[in-house]
N, C-alpha and C. Protein backbone atom coordinates (compact mmCIF):
# COMPACT_ATOMS: atom_id res chain seq x y z
N MET A 1 14.36 -102.63 9.30
CA MET A 1 13.26 -101.67 9.35
C MET A 1 11.94 -102.40 9.21
N ARG A 2 10.98 -102.09 10.02
CA ARG A 2 9.69 -102.74 9.99
C ARG A 2 8.86 -102.16 8.86
N GLY A 3 7.91 -103.01 8.35
CA GLY A 3 7.06 -102.54 7.28
C GLY A 3 6.29 -101.30 7.65
N GLY A 4 5.81 -101.21 8.90
CA GLY A 4 5.02 -100.07 9.32
C GLY A 4 5.79 -98.77 9.31
N ASP A 5 7.13 -98.83 9.29
CA ASP A 5 7.94 -97.62 9.26
C ASP A 5 8.18 -97.12 7.84
N MET A 6 7.74 -97.91 6.84
CA MET A 6 8.16 -97.63 5.48
C MET A 6 7.10 -96.88 4.67
N VAL A 7 5.87 -96.85 5.11
CA VAL A 7 4.81 -96.18 4.38
C VAL A 7 4.07 -95.26 5.33
N ALA A 8 4.57 -94.06 5.49
CA ALA A 8 3.91 -93.05 6.31
C ALA A 8 3.53 -93.57 7.69
N ASN A 9 4.45 -94.31 8.31
CA ASN A 9 4.24 -94.83 9.67
C ASN A 9 2.99 -95.67 9.81
N ARG A 10 2.67 -96.42 8.78
CA ARG A 10 1.56 -97.35 8.87
C ARG A 10 1.96 -98.67 8.20
N PRO A 11 1.17 -99.73 8.39
CA PRO A 11 1.53 -101.03 7.80
C PRO A 11 1.66 -100.94 6.28
N VAL A 12 2.60 -101.72 5.72
CA VAL A 12 2.75 -101.79 4.27
C VAL A 12 2.07 -103.07 3.78
N ARG A 13 1.27 -102.93 2.74
CA ARG A 13 0.48 -104.04 2.21
C ARG A 13 0.80 -104.23 0.73
N VAL A 14 1.40 -105.37 0.43
CA VAL A 14 1.89 -105.63 -0.92
C VAL A 14 1.34 -106.97 -1.41
N ALA A 15 0.92 -107.01 -2.68
CA ALA A 15 0.54 -108.27 -3.32
C ALA A 15 1.57 -108.60 -4.39
N VAL A 16 2.02 -109.86 -4.43
CA VAL A 16 2.98 -110.31 -5.44
C VAL A 16 2.25 -111.26 -6.39
N LEU A 17 2.23 -110.88 -7.67
CA LEU A 17 1.55 -111.68 -8.69
C LEU A 17 2.54 -112.07 -9.78
N GLY A 18 2.16 -113.06 -10.57
CA GLY A 18 3.01 -113.50 -11.67
C GLY A 18 2.46 -114.80 -12.23
N ARG A 19 2.87 -115.12 -13.44
CA ARG A 19 2.38 -116.36 -14.07
C ARG A 19 2.89 -117.57 -13.29
N PRO A 20 2.25 -118.72 -13.44
CA PRO A 20 2.75 -119.94 -12.81
C PRO A 20 4.22 -120.17 -13.17
N GLY A 21 5.02 -120.54 -12.18
CA GLY A 21 6.43 -120.77 -12.41
C GLY A 21 7.30 -119.54 -12.28
N SER A 22 6.71 -118.41 -11.91
CA SER A 22 7.49 -117.18 -11.79
C SER A 22 8.20 -117.07 -10.45
N GLY A 23 7.90 -117.98 -9.52
CA GLY A 23 8.60 -117.97 -8.24
C GLY A 23 7.92 -117.12 -7.18
N LYS A 24 6.59 -117.05 -7.24
CA LYS A 24 5.86 -116.19 -6.31
C LYS A 24 6.12 -116.55 -4.85
N GLY A 25 6.11 -117.84 -4.52
CA GLY A 25 6.32 -118.24 -3.14
C GLY A 25 7.70 -117.85 -2.63
N THR A 26 8.72 -118.16 -3.43
CA THR A 26 10.10 -117.85 -3.04
C THR A 26 10.33 -116.35 -2.92
N GLN A 27 9.91 -115.61 -3.95
CA GLN A 27 10.19 -114.18 -3.96
C GLN A 27 9.31 -113.42 -2.97
N SER A 28 8.09 -113.88 -2.74
CA SER A 28 7.25 -113.24 -1.72
C SER A 28 7.89 -113.39 -0.34
N GLY A 29 8.44 -114.57 -0.08
CA GLY A 29 9.12 -114.79 1.19
C GLY A 29 10.32 -113.88 1.35
N ARG A 30 11.09 -113.73 0.28
CA ARG A 30 12.26 -112.84 0.33
C ARG A 30 11.84 -111.40 0.58
N LEU A 31 10.82 -110.95 -0.15
CA LEU A 31 10.37 -109.57 -0.01
C LEU A 31 9.82 -109.32 1.39
N ALA A 32 9.11 -110.30 1.93
CA ALA A 32 8.58 -110.15 3.29
C ALA A 32 9.71 -110.00 4.30
N ARG A 33 10.79 -110.76 4.12
CA ARG A 33 11.93 -110.64 5.04
C ARG A 33 12.59 -109.27 4.90
N VAL A 34 12.72 -108.78 3.67
CA VAL A 34 13.32 -107.47 3.46
C VAL A 34 12.49 -106.37 4.13
N LEU A 35 11.17 -106.46 4.00
CA LEU A 35 10.29 -105.45 4.57
C LEU A 35 10.03 -105.64 6.06
N GLY A 36 10.31 -106.84 6.57
CA GLY A 36 10.05 -107.13 7.97
C GLY A 36 8.57 -107.29 8.28
N VAL A 37 7.84 -107.92 7.32
CA VAL A 37 6.40 -108.12 7.50
C VAL A 37 6.06 -109.59 7.27
N PRO A 38 4.88 -110.05 7.71
CA PRO A 38 4.49 -111.44 7.48
C PRO A 38 4.30 -111.76 5.99
N HIS A 39 4.68 -112.99 5.64
CA HIS A 39 4.44 -113.54 4.30
C HIS A 39 3.14 -114.34 4.38
N VAL A 40 2.15 -113.95 3.59
CA VAL A 40 0.83 -114.59 3.66
C VAL A 40 0.54 -115.32 2.36
N SER A 41 0.39 -116.64 2.45
CA SER A 41 0.05 -117.48 1.31
C SER A 41 -1.31 -118.12 1.57
N THR A 42 -2.27 -117.90 0.66
CA THR A 42 -3.60 -118.49 0.87
C THR A 42 -3.53 -120.02 0.83
N GLY A 43 -2.62 -120.57 0.03
CA GLY A 43 -2.47 -122.02 0.00
C GLY A 43 -2.02 -122.56 1.34
N GLU A 44 -1.03 -121.90 1.96
CA GLU A 44 -0.55 -122.34 3.26
C GLU A 44 -1.61 -122.13 4.34
N LEU A 45 -2.38 -121.06 4.23
CA LEU A 45 -3.46 -120.83 5.19
C LEU A 45 -4.47 -121.97 5.14
N LEU A 46 -4.84 -122.39 3.94
CA LEU A 46 -5.81 -123.48 3.80
C LEU A 46 -5.24 -124.80 4.30
N ARG A 47 -3.96 -125.04 4.01
CA ARG A 47 -3.35 -126.28 4.51
C ARG A 47 -3.35 -126.29 6.04
N ALA A 48 -3.09 -125.14 6.64
CA ALA A 48 -3.10 -125.06 8.10
C ALA A 48 -4.50 -125.30 8.65
N GLU A 49 -5.51 -124.77 7.96
CA GLU A 49 -6.90 -124.99 8.39
C GLU A 49 -7.25 -126.47 8.32
N ILE A 50 -6.80 -127.13 7.25
CA ILE A 50 -7.07 -128.56 7.08
C ILE A 50 -6.38 -129.37 8.18
N GLU A 51 -5.12 -129.02 8.47
CA GLU A 51 -4.37 -129.73 9.51
C GLU A 51 -5.02 -129.57 10.87
N ARG A 52 -5.57 -128.36 11.14
CA ARG A 52 -6.22 -128.11 12.43
C ARG A 52 -7.60 -128.75 12.51
N GLY A 53 -8.16 -129.10 11.36
CA GLY A 53 -9.50 -129.67 11.36
C GLY A 53 -10.56 -128.64 11.68
N SER A 54 -10.31 -127.38 11.33
CA SER A 54 -11.27 -126.30 11.57
C SER A 54 -12.47 -126.47 10.65
N PRO A 55 -13.57 -125.76 10.92
CA PRO A 55 -14.73 -125.85 10.02
C PRO A 55 -14.37 -125.51 8.57
N VAL A 56 -13.58 -124.45 8.37
CA VAL A 56 -13.16 -124.10 7.02
C VAL A 56 -12.27 -125.20 6.45
N GLY A 57 -11.37 -125.73 7.26
CA GLY A 57 -10.48 -126.78 6.82
C GLY A 57 -11.22 -128.04 6.41
N ARG A 58 -12.24 -128.42 7.18
CA ARG A 58 -13.01 -129.63 6.84
C ARG A 58 -13.75 -129.45 5.53
N ARG A 59 -14.29 -128.27 5.31
CA ARG A 59 -14.99 -128.02 4.04
C ARG A 59 -14.00 -127.97 2.88
N ALA A 60 -12.84 -127.33 3.11
CA ALA A 60 -11.83 -127.23 2.06
C ALA A 60 -11.28 -128.61 1.69
N GLN A 61 -11.13 -129.48 2.68
CA GLN A 61 -10.60 -130.82 2.45
C GLN A 61 -11.45 -131.60 1.46
N GLU A 62 -12.76 -131.40 1.51
CA GLU A 62 -13.65 -132.09 0.59
C GLU A 62 -13.34 -131.73 -0.86
N PHE A 63 -13.06 -130.46 -1.11
CA PHE A 63 -12.73 -130.03 -2.47
C PHE A 63 -11.35 -130.52 -2.87
N VAL A 64 -10.40 -130.48 -1.94
CA VAL A 64 -9.04 -130.93 -2.24
C VAL A 64 -9.05 -132.42 -2.60
N GLU A 65 -9.76 -133.21 -1.82
CA GLU A 65 -9.81 -134.66 -2.06
C GLU A 65 -10.51 -134.99 -3.37
N ALA A 66 -11.41 -134.09 -3.81
CA ALA A 66 -12.12 -134.30 -5.08
C ALA A 66 -11.35 -133.74 -6.26
N GLY A 67 -10.16 -133.15 -5.97
CA GLY A 67 -9.34 -132.57 -7.02
C GLY A 67 -9.90 -131.28 -7.59
N GLN A 68 -10.69 -130.57 -6.79
CA GLN A 68 -11.32 -129.33 -7.24
C GLN A 68 -10.70 -128.12 -6.53
N LEU A 69 -10.86 -126.95 -7.15
CA LEU A 69 -10.38 -125.72 -6.53
C LEU A 69 -11.26 -125.37 -5.33
N VAL A 70 -10.63 -124.91 -4.27
CA VAL A 70 -11.38 -124.46 -3.10
C VAL A 70 -12.10 -123.16 -3.47
N PRO A 71 -13.41 -123.06 -3.23
CA PRO A 71 -14.16 -121.85 -3.60
C PRO A 71 -13.60 -120.59 -2.96
N ASP A 72 -13.78 -119.48 -3.67
CA ASP A 72 -13.26 -118.20 -3.20
C ASP A 72 -13.73 -117.86 -1.79
N GLU A 73 -15.01 -118.15 -1.49
CA GLU A 73 -15.52 -117.75 -0.18
C GLU A 73 -14.77 -118.41 0.96
N MET A 74 -14.29 -119.65 0.76
CA MET A 74 -13.52 -120.33 1.79
C MET A 74 -12.12 -119.73 1.90
N VAL A 75 -11.52 -119.45 0.75
CA VAL A 75 -10.19 -118.82 0.75
C VAL A 75 -10.26 -117.47 1.46
N LEU A 76 -11.29 -116.69 1.13
CA LEU A 76 -11.42 -115.35 1.71
C LEU A 76 -11.74 -115.41 3.19
N GLU A 77 -12.49 -116.41 3.61
CA GLU A 77 -12.78 -116.57 5.04
C GLU A 77 -11.50 -116.82 5.82
N SER A 78 -10.65 -117.70 5.30
CA SER A 78 -9.38 -117.99 5.95
C SER A 78 -8.46 -116.76 5.92
N LEU A 79 -8.43 -116.06 4.78
CA LEU A 79 -7.59 -114.88 4.64
C LEU A 79 -8.05 -113.76 5.58
N ALA A 80 -9.35 -113.55 5.67
CA ALA A 80 -9.88 -112.49 6.53
C ALA A 80 -9.48 -112.72 7.98
N GLU A 81 -9.50 -113.97 8.40
CA GLU A 81 -9.11 -114.30 9.77
C GLU A 81 -7.64 -113.96 10.01
N ARG A 82 -6.79 -114.29 9.01
CA ARG A 82 -5.35 -114.00 9.15
C ARG A 82 -5.09 -112.49 9.15
N LEU A 83 -5.82 -111.75 8.35
CA LEU A 83 -5.60 -110.31 8.26
C LEU A 83 -6.00 -109.58 9.54
N ASP A 84 -6.77 -110.25 10.39
CA ASP A 84 -7.18 -109.65 11.66
C ASP A 84 -6.13 -109.85 12.76
N ASP A 85 -5.09 -110.66 12.47
CA ASP A 85 -4.09 -110.94 13.50
C ASP A 85 -3.28 -109.68 13.81
N ALA A 86 -2.76 -109.63 15.03
CA ALA A 86 -2.08 -108.42 15.52
C ALA A 86 -0.84 -108.07 14.69
N ASP A 87 -0.06 -109.07 14.27
CA ASP A 87 1.16 -108.76 13.52
C ASP A 87 0.84 -108.14 12.16
N ILE A 88 -0.25 -108.58 11.54
CA ILE A 88 -0.67 -108.01 10.26
C ILE A 88 -1.14 -106.58 10.44
N GLU A 89 -1.97 -106.35 11.46
CA GLU A 89 -2.48 -105.00 11.70
C GLU A 89 -1.36 -104.02 12.04
N ARG A 90 -0.32 -104.53 12.71
CA ARG A 90 0.80 -103.67 13.11
C ARG A 90 1.77 -103.41 11.97
N ASP A 91 2.15 -104.47 11.24
CA ASP A 91 3.25 -104.36 10.28
C ASP A 91 2.83 -104.39 8.82
N GLY A 92 1.69 -105.04 8.53
CA GLY A 92 1.29 -105.23 7.15
C GLY A 92 1.61 -106.64 6.67
N PHE A 93 1.78 -106.83 5.35
CA PHE A 93 1.97 -108.18 4.82
C PHE A 93 2.49 -108.13 3.39
N VAL A 94 3.02 -109.28 2.96
CA VAL A 94 3.24 -109.56 1.54
C VAL A 94 2.32 -110.72 1.19
N LEU A 95 1.38 -110.48 0.28
CA LEU A 95 0.39 -111.48 -0.09
C LEU A 95 0.87 -112.21 -1.32
N ASP A 96 0.98 -113.52 -1.21
CA ASP A 96 1.62 -114.38 -2.19
C ASP A 96 0.61 -114.94 -3.20
N GLY A 97 0.62 -114.37 -4.43
CA GLY A 97 -0.18 -114.93 -5.51
C GLY A 97 -1.67 -114.73 -5.39
N PHE A 98 -2.09 -113.72 -4.68
CA PHE A 98 -3.52 -113.44 -4.50
C PHE A 98 -3.68 -111.93 -4.47
N PRO A 99 -4.70 -111.41 -5.18
CA PRO A 99 -5.79 -112.08 -5.90
C PRO A 99 -5.37 -112.55 -7.29
N ARG A 100 -6.14 -113.49 -7.83
CA ARG A 100 -5.88 -114.01 -9.17
C ARG A 100 -6.96 -113.63 -10.17
N THR A 101 -8.10 -113.19 -9.68
CA THR A 101 -9.21 -112.81 -10.56
C THR A 101 -9.77 -111.47 -10.10
N ILE A 102 -10.55 -110.85 -10.97
CA ILE A 102 -11.17 -109.57 -10.63
C ILE A 102 -12.11 -109.73 -9.44
N ASP A 103 -12.88 -110.83 -9.41
CA ASP A 103 -13.79 -111.07 -8.28
C ASP A 103 -13.00 -111.13 -6.97
N GLN A 104 -11.85 -111.83 -6.98
CA GLN A 104 -11.03 -111.91 -5.78
C GLN A 104 -10.47 -110.53 -5.41
N ALA A 105 -10.11 -109.74 -6.41
CA ALA A 105 -9.57 -108.40 -6.15
C ALA A 105 -10.63 -107.51 -5.50
N VAL A 106 -11.86 -107.62 -5.98
CA VAL A 106 -12.95 -106.82 -5.40
C VAL A 106 -13.17 -107.22 -3.94
N ALA A 107 -13.14 -108.54 -3.68
CA ALA A 107 -13.33 -109.02 -2.31
C ALA A 107 -12.17 -108.59 -1.41
N LEU A 108 -10.95 -108.62 -1.94
CA LEU A 108 -9.79 -108.20 -1.16
C LEU A 108 -9.88 -106.71 -0.84
N ASP A 109 -10.30 -105.91 -1.82
CA ASP A 109 -10.47 -104.47 -1.58
C ASP A 109 -11.42 -104.23 -0.41
N ALA A 110 -12.49 -105.03 -0.37
CA ALA A 110 -13.46 -104.88 0.71
C ALA A 110 -12.85 -105.25 2.06
N LEU A 111 -12.03 -106.31 2.07
CA LEU A 111 -11.38 -106.72 3.32
C LEU A 111 -10.41 -105.67 3.83
N LEU A 112 -9.73 -104.99 2.92
CA LEU A 112 -8.68 -104.04 3.30
C LEU A 112 -9.19 -102.61 3.47
N ALA A 113 -10.43 -102.36 3.08
CA ALA A 113 -10.96 -101.00 3.12
C ALA A 113 -10.83 -100.41 4.52
N PRO A 114 -10.53 -99.11 4.62
CA PRO A 114 -10.40 -98.17 3.50
C PRO A 114 -8.98 -98.04 2.95
N ALA A 115 -8.00 -98.73 3.53
CA ALA A 115 -6.59 -98.49 3.16
C ALA A 115 -6.21 -99.09 1.81
N GLY A 116 -6.62 -100.32 1.52
CA GLY A 116 -6.24 -100.97 0.27
C GLY A 116 -4.79 -101.42 0.27
N LEU A 117 -4.32 -101.83 -0.92
CA LEU A 117 -2.93 -102.24 -1.09
C LEU A 117 -2.05 -101.03 -1.34
N ASP A 118 -0.79 -101.12 -0.93
CA ASP A 118 0.19 -100.08 -1.22
C ASP A 118 0.87 -100.32 -2.56
N ALA A 119 1.04 -101.58 -2.93
CA ALA A 119 1.72 -101.89 -4.19
C ALA A 119 1.36 -103.28 -4.65
N VAL A 120 1.40 -103.46 -5.97
CA VAL A 120 1.31 -104.78 -6.59
C VAL A 120 2.60 -105.01 -7.35
N VAL A 121 3.30 -106.09 -7.02
CA VAL A 121 4.57 -106.41 -7.68
C VAL A 121 4.34 -107.57 -8.64
N GLU A 122 4.70 -107.38 -9.89
CA GLU A 122 4.60 -108.45 -10.87
C GLU A 122 5.98 -109.07 -11.08
N LEU A 123 6.07 -110.40 -10.97
CA LEU A 123 7.31 -111.12 -11.28
C LEU A 123 7.30 -111.43 -12.77
N MET A 124 8.13 -110.73 -13.52
CA MET A 124 8.10 -110.80 -14.98
C MET A 124 9.10 -111.83 -15.48
N VAL A 125 8.70 -113.09 -15.45
CA VAL A 125 9.53 -114.20 -15.91
C VAL A 125 9.01 -114.66 -17.28
N PRO A 126 9.88 -114.80 -18.29
CA PRO A 126 9.43 -115.23 -19.61
C PRO A 126 8.69 -116.57 -19.54
N GLU A 127 7.69 -116.71 -20.40
CA GLU A 127 6.84 -117.90 -20.37
C GLU A 127 7.64 -119.19 -20.55
N ARG A 128 8.60 -119.19 -21.46
CA ARG A 128 9.39 -120.40 -21.70
C ARG A 128 10.16 -120.81 -20.45
N GLU A 129 10.78 -119.82 -19.79
CA GLU A 129 11.53 -120.12 -18.57
C GLU A 129 10.61 -120.63 -17.47
N ALA A 130 9.43 -120.01 -17.34
CA ALA A 130 8.47 -120.45 -16.32
C ALA A 130 8.04 -121.88 -16.58
N ALA A 131 7.81 -122.23 -17.85
CA ALA A 131 7.41 -123.60 -18.19
C ALA A 131 8.50 -124.60 -17.85
N GLU A 132 9.75 -124.23 -18.10
CA GLU A 132 10.88 -125.12 -17.77
C GLU A 132 10.96 -125.33 -16.25
N ARG A 133 10.75 -124.26 -15.48
CA ARG A 133 10.78 -124.38 -14.03
C ARG A 133 9.70 -125.34 -13.54
N LEU A 134 8.49 -125.17 -14.09
CA LEU A 134 7.38 -126.02 -13.64
C LEU A 134 7.62 -127.49 -14.00
N GLY A 135 8.21 -127.72 -15.18
CA GLY A 135 8.49 -129.09 -15.59
C GLY A 135 9.55 -129.75 -14.74
N ALA A 136 10.40 -128.95 -14.06
CA ALA A 136 11.48 -129.48 -13.23
C ALA A 136 11.15 -129.42 -11.75
N ARG A 137 9.88 -129.13 -11.41
CA ARG A 137 9.53 -128.90 -10.01
C ARG A 137 8.98 -130.15 -9.35
N LEU A 138 9.38 -130.35 -8.11
CA LEU A 138 8.79 -131.37 -7.24
C LEU A 138 8.18 -130.65 -6.03
N VAL A 139 7.10 -131.19 -5.50
CA VAL A 139 6.45 -130.56 -4.36
C VAL A 139 6.26 -131.58 -3.25
N CYS A 140 6.13 -131.07 -2.04
CA CYS A 140 5.84 -131.92 -0.89
C CYS A 140 4.33 -131.99 -0.72
N PRO A 141 3.75 -133.19 -0.82
CA PRO A 141 2.29 -133.30 -0.67
C PRO A 141 1.80 -133.04 0.74
N GLU A 142 2.73 -132.99 1.70
CA GLU A 142 2.34 -132.78 3.09
C GLU A 142 2.34 -131.30 3.47
N CYS A 143 3.44 -130.59 3.20
CA CYS A 143 3.53 -129.18 3.64
C CYS A 143 3.45 -128.19 2.49
N GLY A 144 3.45 -128.69 1.25
CA GLY A 144 3.25 -127.81 0.11
C GLY A 144 4.49 -127.12 -0.42
N ARG A 145 5.65 -127.33 0.17
CA ARG A 145 6.85 -126.67 -0.31
C ARG A 145 7.28 -127.28 -1.65
N SER A 146 7.88 -126.44 -2.50
CA SER A 146 8.32 -126.92 -3.80
C SER A 146 9.82 -126.75 -3.94
N VAL A 147 10.44 -127.66 -4.70
CA VAL A 147 11.89 -127.62 -4.93
C VAL A 147 12.16 -128.02 -6.37
N SER A 148 13.37 -127.71 -6.84
CA SER A 148 13.79 -128.12 -8.17
C SER A 148 14.06 -129.62 -8.17
N ARG A 149 13.74 -130.27 -9.27
CA ARG A 149 13.92 -131.71 -9.36
C ARG A 149 15.38 -132.14 -9.31
N ASP A 150 16.31 -131.19 -9.50
CA ASP A 150 17.72 -131.56 -9.50
C ASP A 150 18.32 -131.62 -8.10
N GLN A 151 17.52 -131.39 -7.06
CA GLN A 151 18.08 -131.52 -5.71
C GLN A 151 18.40 -132.99 -5.43
N ARG A 152 19.37 -133.22 -4.58
CA ARG A 152 19.87 -134.58 -4.38
C ARG A 152 18.89 -135.48 -3.64
N SER A 153 18.19 -134.94 -2.66
CA SER A 153 17.31 -135.76 -1.85
C SER A 153 15.91 -135.83 -2.45
N ALA A 154 15.25 -136.98 -2.31
CA ALA A 154 13.87 -137.15 -2.76
C ALA A 154 12.90 -136.85 -1.63
N LEU A 155 13.43 -136.38 -0.49
CA LEU A 155 12.59 -136.10 0.67
C LEU A 155 12.53 -134.59 0.92
N CYS A 156 11.40 -134.15 1.45
CA CYS A 156 11.22 -132.74 1.79
C CYS A 156 12.16 -132.37 2.93
N ASP A 157 12.90 -131.27 2.77
CA ASP A 157 13.82 -130.82 3.80
C ASP A 157 13.10 -130.38 5.06
N HIS A 158 11.83 -130.01 4.92
CA HIS A 158 11.08 -129.46 6.05
C HIS A 158 10.42 -130.56 6.89
N CYS A 159 9.75 -131.51 6.23
CA CYS A 159 8.99 -132.50 7.01
C CYS A 159 9.35 -133.95 6.71
N GLY A 160 10.24 -134.19 5.73
CA GLY A 160 10.70 -135.54 5.46
C GLY A 160 9.79 -136.37 4.58
N THR A 161 8.71 -135.78 4.06
CA THR A 161 7.79 -136.50 3.18
C THR A 161 8.41 -136.68 1.80
N VAL A 162 8.08 -137.80 1.13
CA VAL A 162 8.59 -138.06 -0.22
C VAL A 162 8.03 -137.02 -1.19
N LEU A 163 8.91 -136.38 -1.94
CA LEU A 163 8.50 -135.36 -2.90
C LEU A 163 7.84 -136.00 -4.13
N ALA A 164 6.95 -135.25 -4.77
CA ALA A 164 6.25 -135.77 -5.94
C ALA A 164 6.04 -134.63 -6.94
N ARG A 165 5.68 -135.00 -8.14
CA ARG A 165 5.36 -134.00 -9.16
C ARG A 165 3.89 -133.62 -9.06
N ARG A 166 3.60 -132.32 -9.17
CA ARG A 166 2.22 -131.87 -9.14
C ARG A 166 1.52 -132.27 -10.43
N ALA A 167 0.27 -132.71 -10.29
CA ALA A 167 -0.49 -133.12 -11.47
C ALA A 167 -0.66 -131.96 -12.45
N ASP A 168 -0.76 -130.74 -11.93
CA ASP A 168 -0.97 -129.60 -12.82
C ASP A 168 0.33 -129.05 -13.38
N ASP A 169 1.44 -129.77 -13.19
CA ASP A 169 2.70 -129.40 -13.85
C ASP A 169 2.93 -130.21 -15.12
N ASP A 170 1.90 -130.93 -15.58
CA ASP A 170 1.94 -131.60 -16.88
C ASP A 170 2.00 -130.54 -17.99
N VAL A 171 2.64 -130.87 -19.09
CA VAL A 171 2.88 -129.90 -20.16
C VAL A 171 1.59 -129.26 -20.65
N ASP A 172 0.57 -130.07 -20.93
CA ASP A 172 -0.70 -129.53 -21.44
C ASP A 172 -1.39 -128.67 -20.39
N VAL A 173 -1.31 -129.09 -19.14
CA VAL A 173 -1.94 -128.32 -18.06
C VAL A 173 -1.21 -127.00 -17.84
N ILE A 174 0.11 -127.01 -17.98
CA ILE A 174 0.89 -125.77 -17.85
C ILE A 174 0.42 -124.75 -18.87
N ARG A 175 0.22 -125.19 -20.11
CA ARG A 175 -0.26 -124.28 -21.16
C ARG A 175 -1.60 -123.67 -20.78
N SER A 176 -2.48 -124.51 -20.24
CA SER A 176 -3.80 -124.04 -19.82
C SER A 176 -3.68 -123.05 -18.67
N ARG A 177 -2.77 -123.32 -17.73
CA ARG A 177 -2.59 -122.41 -16.59
C ARG A 177 -2.05 -121.05 -17.05
N PHE A 178 -1.17 -121.05 -18.04
CA PHE A 178 -0.68 -119.79 -18.59
C PHE A 178 -1.83 -119.00 -19.22
N ASP A 179 -2.72 -119.71 -19.93
CA ASP A 179 -3.86 -119.05 -20.56
C ASP A 179 -4.78 -118.44 -19.50
N VAL A 180 -5.00 -119.18 -18.42
CA VAL A 180 -5.84 -118.67 -17.33
C VAL A 180 -5.22 -117.41 -16.74
N PHE A 181 -3.89 -117.42 -16.56
CA PHE A 181 -3.21 -116.25 -16.03
C PHE A 181 -3.43 -115.04 -16.93
N GLU A 182 -3.24 -115.22 -18.23
CA GLU A 182 -3.38 -114.10 -19.16
C GLU A 182 -4.82 -113.58 -19.20
N ASN A 183 -5.79 -114.49 -19.11
CA ASN A 183 -7.19 -114.09 -19.23
C ASN A 183 -7.78 -113.55 -17.93
N GLU A 184 -7.33 -114.08 -16.78
CA GLU A 184 -7.97 -113.73 -15.52
C GLU A 184 -7.11 -112.85 -14.61
N THR A 185 -5.80 -113.06 -14.62
CA THR A 185 -4.94 -112.29 -13.71
C THR A 185 -4.31 -111.09 -14.40
N ARG A 186 -3.97 -111.22 -15.67
CA ARG A 186 -3.35 -110.10 -16.39
C ARG A 186 -4.16 -108.81 -16.29
N PRO A 187 -5.50 -108.86 -16.40
CA PRO A 187 -6.27 -107.60 -16.28
C PRO A 187 -6.02 -106.88 -14.95
N LEU A 188 -5.71 -107.62 -13.89
CA LEU A 188 -5.42 -106.99 -12.60
C LEU A 188 -4.14 -106.17 -12.67
N LEU A 189 -3.21 -106.63 -13.49
CA LEU A 189 -1.92 -105.95 -13.63
C LEU A 189 -1.99 -104.81 -14.63
N ASN A 190 -3.13 -104.69 -15.30
CA ASN A 190 -3.33 -103.62 -16.27
C ASN A 190 -4.24 -102.53 -15.72
N GLY A 191 -4.34 -102.47 -14.39
CA GLY A 191 -5.05 -101.35 -13.79
C GLY A 191 -6.32 -101.66 -13.07
N SER A 192 -6.67 -102.95 -12.91
CA SER A 192 -7.92 -103.29 -12.24
C SER A 192 -7.81 -103.31 -10.73
N ILE A 193 -6.59 -103.20 -10.18
CA ILE A 193 -6.40 -103.11 -8.74
C ILE A 193 -6.00 -101.67 -8.41
N SER A 194 -6.68 -101.07 -7.46
CA SER A 194 -6.35 -99.71 -7.06
C SER A 194 -5.26 -99.75 -5.99
N THR A 195 -4.10 -99.18 -6.30
CA THR A 195 -3.00 -99.15 -5.34
C THR A 195 -2.29 -97.81 -5.43
N ALA A 196 -1.47 -97.56 -4.42
CA ALA A 196 -0.64 -96.36 -4.44
C ALA A 196 0.50 -96.50 -5.43
N ASP A 197 0.88 -97.74 -5.73
CA ASP A 197 2.04 -97.96 -6.59
C ASP A 197 1.91 -99.33 -7.23
N SER A 198 2.19 -99.45 -8.52
CA SER A 198 2.21 -100.75 -9.19
C SER A 198 3.60 -100.92 -9.77
N SER A 199 4.32 -101.95 -9.34
CA SER A 199 5.76 -102.01 -9.59
C SER A 199 6.18 -103.30 -10.29
N PRO A 200 6.26 -103.30 -11.64
CA PRO A 200 6.81 -104.47 -12.31
C PRO A 200 8.25 -104.71 -11.88
N TRP A 201 8.59 -105.95 -11.70
CA TRP A 201 9.95 -106.30 -11.23
C TRP A 201 10.23 -107.73 -11.64
N THR A 202 11.37 -107.99 -12.27
CA THR A 202 11.70 -109.35 -12.68
C THR A 202 12.38 -110.08 -11.54
N ALA A 203 12.18 -111.40 -11.53
CA ALA A 203 12.71 -112.20 -10.42
C ALA A 203 14.22 -112.26 -10.41
N THR A 204 14.87 -111.83 -11.49
CA THR A 204 16.34 -111.87 -11.54
C THR A 204 16.95 -110.55 -11.10
N GLU A 205 16.13 -109.52 -10.88
CA GLU A 205 16.65 -108.23 -10.44
C GLU A 205 16.68 -108.15 -8.93
N PRO A 206 17.55 -107.29 -8.37
CA PRO A 206 17.51 -107.07 -6.93
C PRO A 206 16.23 -106.38 -6.53
N PHE A 207 15.82 -106.50 -5.27
CA PHE A 207 14.64 -105.81 -4.82
C PHE A 207 14.84 -104.31 -4.95
N PRO A 208 13.79 -103.60 -5.40
CA PRO A 208 13.90 -102.14 -5.43
C PRO A 208 14.00 -101.61 -4.03
N LYS A 209 14.68 -100.45 -3.87
CA LYS A 209 14.78 -99.86 -2.54
C LYS A 209 13.41 -99.42 -2.07
N SER A 210 13.20 -99.54 -0.76
CA SER A 210 11.91 -99.14 -0.21
C SER A 210 11.76 -97.63 -0.28
N ARG A 211 10.49 -97.21 -0.31
CA ARG A 211 10.24 -95.78 -0.30
C ARG A 211 10.77 -95.15 0.99
N GLY A 212 11.48 -94.08 0.82
CA GLY A 212 12.01 -93.40 1.99
C GLY A 212 13.35 -93.94 2.45
N ALA A 213 13.86 -94.99 1.77
CA ALA A 213 15.13 -95.58 2.19
C ALA A 213 16.30 -94.71 1.73
């Protein structure tokens, strides 16, 4: 069933949020496949812009190389372009880990107006478990995919690049990232995003049935 068939014959728009290590990328991809809609990751969008050498990509690359966060306006510029694509307009999307702050939520509301989001799904993974996942994670510096450190190969299954540990998966940095989530993203899950439905869901539970299923 296509996403557009699931919400009053129009596209379904879902944001998946959760603390670092909750599995947003993996679970957003699964949910997108279940709903039959595109999986949209702002990180992957920016990496694609950088690979293409687009104006946004060239500007974003400067921040990445300096070890700084890409400013919201660049992220939103890339996201706005993706949201204009035909498959998004027809079917909707699952947005992976965005928005993370109230400012980003306000900007996203403006991009989606007048429809807005249909649901926000929170991945409710205990902090200790999330920290253990992050400590055991390896990532591909080329394509951005992440895997558990216990996998047999040291190479990315997708592009063959040598896997590495993310600098922000250090123990002290993980603690700081959890604090940022509680201070900046948690308010969004407490009612700061206007949606038709807000659906807490743990990553160990099966997906809830779609409305009308």
